[in-house]
Amino acid sequence: MARKPWSFKEDRRLMELAKSSATLEEAARQLGRTPDAIKRTALRLGLSLKSKTAKKD
């Protein structure tokens, strides 16, 4: 399956979600993307998103 290019609007929305402490899964659901796609784009934009499955110390 080919990747769908990200729009500027989607980049901005991901930035807003990261700023509001949304989880990786929430961002994927809201943007209609896979968690892997969210991870790749967050990395490209220098953002950090937590996963629901992340271990808590």
N, C-alpha and C. Protein backbone atom coordinates (compact mmCIF):
# COMPACT_ATOMS: atom_id res chain seq x y z
N MET A 1 0.84 -1.18 0.00
CA MET A 1 0.00 0.00 0.00
C MET A 1 0.88 1.25 0.00
N ALA A 2 0.62 2.16 -0.89
CA ALA A 2 1.42 3.37 -1.01
C ALA A 2 1.09 4.35 0.12
N ARG A 3 2.08 5.09 0.54
CA ARG A 3 1.89 6.10 1.58
C ARG A 3 1.19 7.32 0.99
N LYS A 4 0.28 7.87 1.77
CA LYS A 4 -0.41 9.09 1.40
C LYS A 4 0.42 10.27 1.91
N PRO A 5 0.76 11.21 1.06
CA PRO A 5 1.57 12.35 1.52
C PRO A 5 0.87 13.14 2.63
N TRP A 6 1.65 13.69 3.54
CA TRP A 6 1.10 14.50 4.62
C TRP A 6 0.92 15.93 4.14
N SER A 7 -0.20 16.52 4.49
CA SER A 7 -0.45 17.93 4.17
C SER A 7 0.09 18.80 5.30
N PHE A 8 0.25 20.07 5.02
CA PHE A 8 0.68 21.02 6.03
C PHE A 8 -0.33 21.04 7.18
N LYS A 9 -1.61 20.96 6.85
CA LYS A 9 -2.67 20.96 7.85
C LYS A 9 -2.55 19.75 8.79
N GLU A 10 -2.23 18.58 8.24
CA GLU A 10 -2.05 17.39 9.06
C GLU A 10 -0.82 17.52 9.96
N ASP A 11 0.26 18.09 9.41
CA ASP A 11 1.46 18.33 10.22
C ASP A 11 1.11 19.22 11.42
N ARG A 12 0.37 20.29 11.17
CA ARG A 12 -0.02 21.23 12.22
C ARG A 12 -0.90 20.54 13.27
N ARG A 13 -1.81 19.70 12.80
CA ARG A 13 -2.71 18.99 13.72
C ARG A 13 -1.91 18.03 14.61
N LEU A 14 -0.94 17.35 14.02
CA LEU A 14 -0.09 16.46 14.81
C LEU A 14 0.70 17.25 15.85
N MET A 15 1.18 18.42 15.50
CA MET A 15 1.89 19.28 16.45
C MET A 15 0.98 19.66 17.62
N GLU A 16 -0.28 20.00 17.29
CA GLU A 16 -1.24 20.35 18.34
C GLU A 16 -1.52 19.17 19.26
N LEU A 17 -1.68 17.99 18.66
CA LEU A 17 -1.94 16.79 19.46
C LEU A 17 -0.76 16.47 20.38
N ALA A 18 0.45 16.60 19.87
CA ALA A 18 1.63 16.34 20.69
C ALA A 18 1.71 17.33 21.85
N LYS A 19 1.40 18.58 21.56
CA LYS A 19 1.44 19.63 22.58
C LYS A 19 0.41 19.37 23.68
N SER A 20 -0.73 18.78 23.30
CA SER A 20 -1.79 18.50 24.27
C SER A 20 -1.61 17.14 24.94
N SER A 21 -0.45 16.53 24.76
CA SER A 21 -0.10 15.24 25.38
C SER A 21 -0.98 14.07 24.92
N ALA A 22 -1.44 14.12 23.68
CA ALA A 22 -2.21 13.00 23.12
C ALA A 22 -1.29 11.79 22.97
N THR A 23 -1.86 10.61 23.06
CA THR A 23 -1.05 9.40 22.87
C THR A 23 -0.88 9.14 21.37
N LEU A 24 0.06 8.29 21.07
CA LEU A 24 0.31 7.88 19.69
C LEU A 24 -0.96 7.32 19.06
N GLU A 25 -1.65 6.48 19.81
CA GLU A 25 -2.87 5.85 19.31
C GLU A 25 -4.00 6.87 19.08
N GLU A 26 -4.12 7.85 19.98
CA GLU A 26 -5.14 8.90 19.81
C GLU A 26 -4.86 9.71 18.55
N ALA A 27 -3.61 10.08 18.35
CA ALA A 27 -3.22 10.85 17.18
C ALA A 27 -3.50 10.06 15.90
N ALA A 28 -3.17 8.78 15.91
CA ALA A 28 -3.42 7.93 14.74
C ALA A 28 -4.92 7.88 14.42
N ARG A 29 -5.72 7.71 15.45
CA ARG A 29 -7.17 7.64 15.25
C ARG A 29 -7.72 8.97 14.71
N GLN A 30 -7.28 10.07 15.29
CA GLN A 30 -7.80 11.39 14.88
C GLN A 30 -7.36 11.78 13.47
N LEU A 31 -6.16 11.36 13.09
CA LEU A 31 -5.66 11.73 11.77
C LEU A 31 -5.93 10.67 10.70
N GLY A 32 -6.46 9.52 11.12
CA GLY A 32 -6.74 8.46 10.15
C GLY A 32 -5.49 7.86 9.55
N ARG A 33 -4.44 7.77 10.38
CA ARG A 33 -3.15 7.23 9.96
C ARG A 33 -2.78 6.06 10.86
N THR A 34 -1.81 5.28 10.44
CA THR A 34 -1.33 4.19 11.28
C THR A 34 -0.39 4.75 12.36
N PRO A 35 -0.26 4.04 13.48
CA PRO A 35 0.69 4.49 14.49
C PRO A 35 2.12 4.63 13.94
N ASP A 36 2.51 3.74 13.02
CA ASP A 36 3.85 3.85 12.41
C ASP A 36 3.99 5.14 11.62
N ALA A 37 2.95 5.52 10.90
CA ALA A 37 2.99 6.77 10.13
C ALA A 37 3.09 7.97 11.07
N ILE A 38 2.38 7.90 12.18
CA ILE A 38 2.45 8.98 13.17
C ILE A 38 3.86 9.06 13.74
N LYS A 39 4.45 7.91 14.08
CA LYS A 39 5.82 7.89 14.62
C LYS A 39 6.82 8.51 13.65
N ARG A 40 6.73 8.11 12.38
CA ARG A 40 7.66 8.63 11.36
C ARG A 40 7.53 10.14 11.22
N THR A 41 6.31 10.63 11.17
CA THR A 41 6.09 12.06 10.98
C THR A 41 6.48 12.84 12.23
N ALA A 42 6.17 12.30 13.40
CA ALA A 42 6.56 12.95 14.64
C ALA A 42 8.09 13.09 14.71
N LEU A 43 8.79 12.04 14.31
CA LEU A 43 10.24 12.08 14.29
C LEU A 43 10.73 13.17 13.33
N ARG A 44 10.13 13.22 12.14
CA ARG A 44 10.51 14.23 11.14
C ARG A 44 10.28 15.65 11.67
N LEU A 45 9.21 15.83 12.45
CA LEU A 45 8.87 17.15 12.97
C LEU A 45 9.51 17.45 14.32
N GLY A 46 10.23 16.47 14.87
CA GLY A 46 10.88 16.66 16.16
C GLY A 46 9.91 16.64 17.33
N LEU A 47 8.84 15.86 17.19
CA LEU A 47 7.81 15.78 18.23
C LEU A 47 7.96 14.49 19.03
N SER A 48 7.38 14.49 20.22
CA SER A 48 7.39 13.31 21.06
C SER A 48 5.96 12.96 21.44
N LEU A 49 5.58 11.71 21.18
CA LEU A 49 4.25 11.22 21.55
C LEU A 49 4.43 9.96 22.36
N LYS A 50 3.67 9.83 23.43
CA LYS A 50 3.70 8.63 24.26
C LYS A 50 2.73 7.59 23.69
N SER A 51 3.07 6.34 23.89
CA SER A 51 2.19 5.25 23.49
C SER A 51 1.43 4.75 24.71
N LYS A 52 0.21 4.30 24.51
CA LYS A 52 -0.57 3.72 25.61
C LYS A 52 0.15 2.52 26.20
N THR A 53 0.88 1.82 25.35
CA THR A 53 1.56 0.60 25.79
C THR A 53 2.93 0.86 26.40
N ALA A 54 3.34 2.12 26.49
CA ALA A 54 4.64 2.45 27.07
C ALA A 54 4.68 2.03 28.53
N LYS A 55 5.82 1.48 28.93
CA LYS A 55 5.97 1.04 30.32
C LYS A 55 6.08 2.25 31.24
N LYS A 56 5.44 2.14 32.40
CA LYS A 56 5.54 3.21 33.40
C LYS A 56 6.44 2.74 34.51
N ASP A 57 7.42 3.57 34.86
CA ASP A 57 8.37 3.19 35.93
C ASP A 57 7.83 3.51 37.29
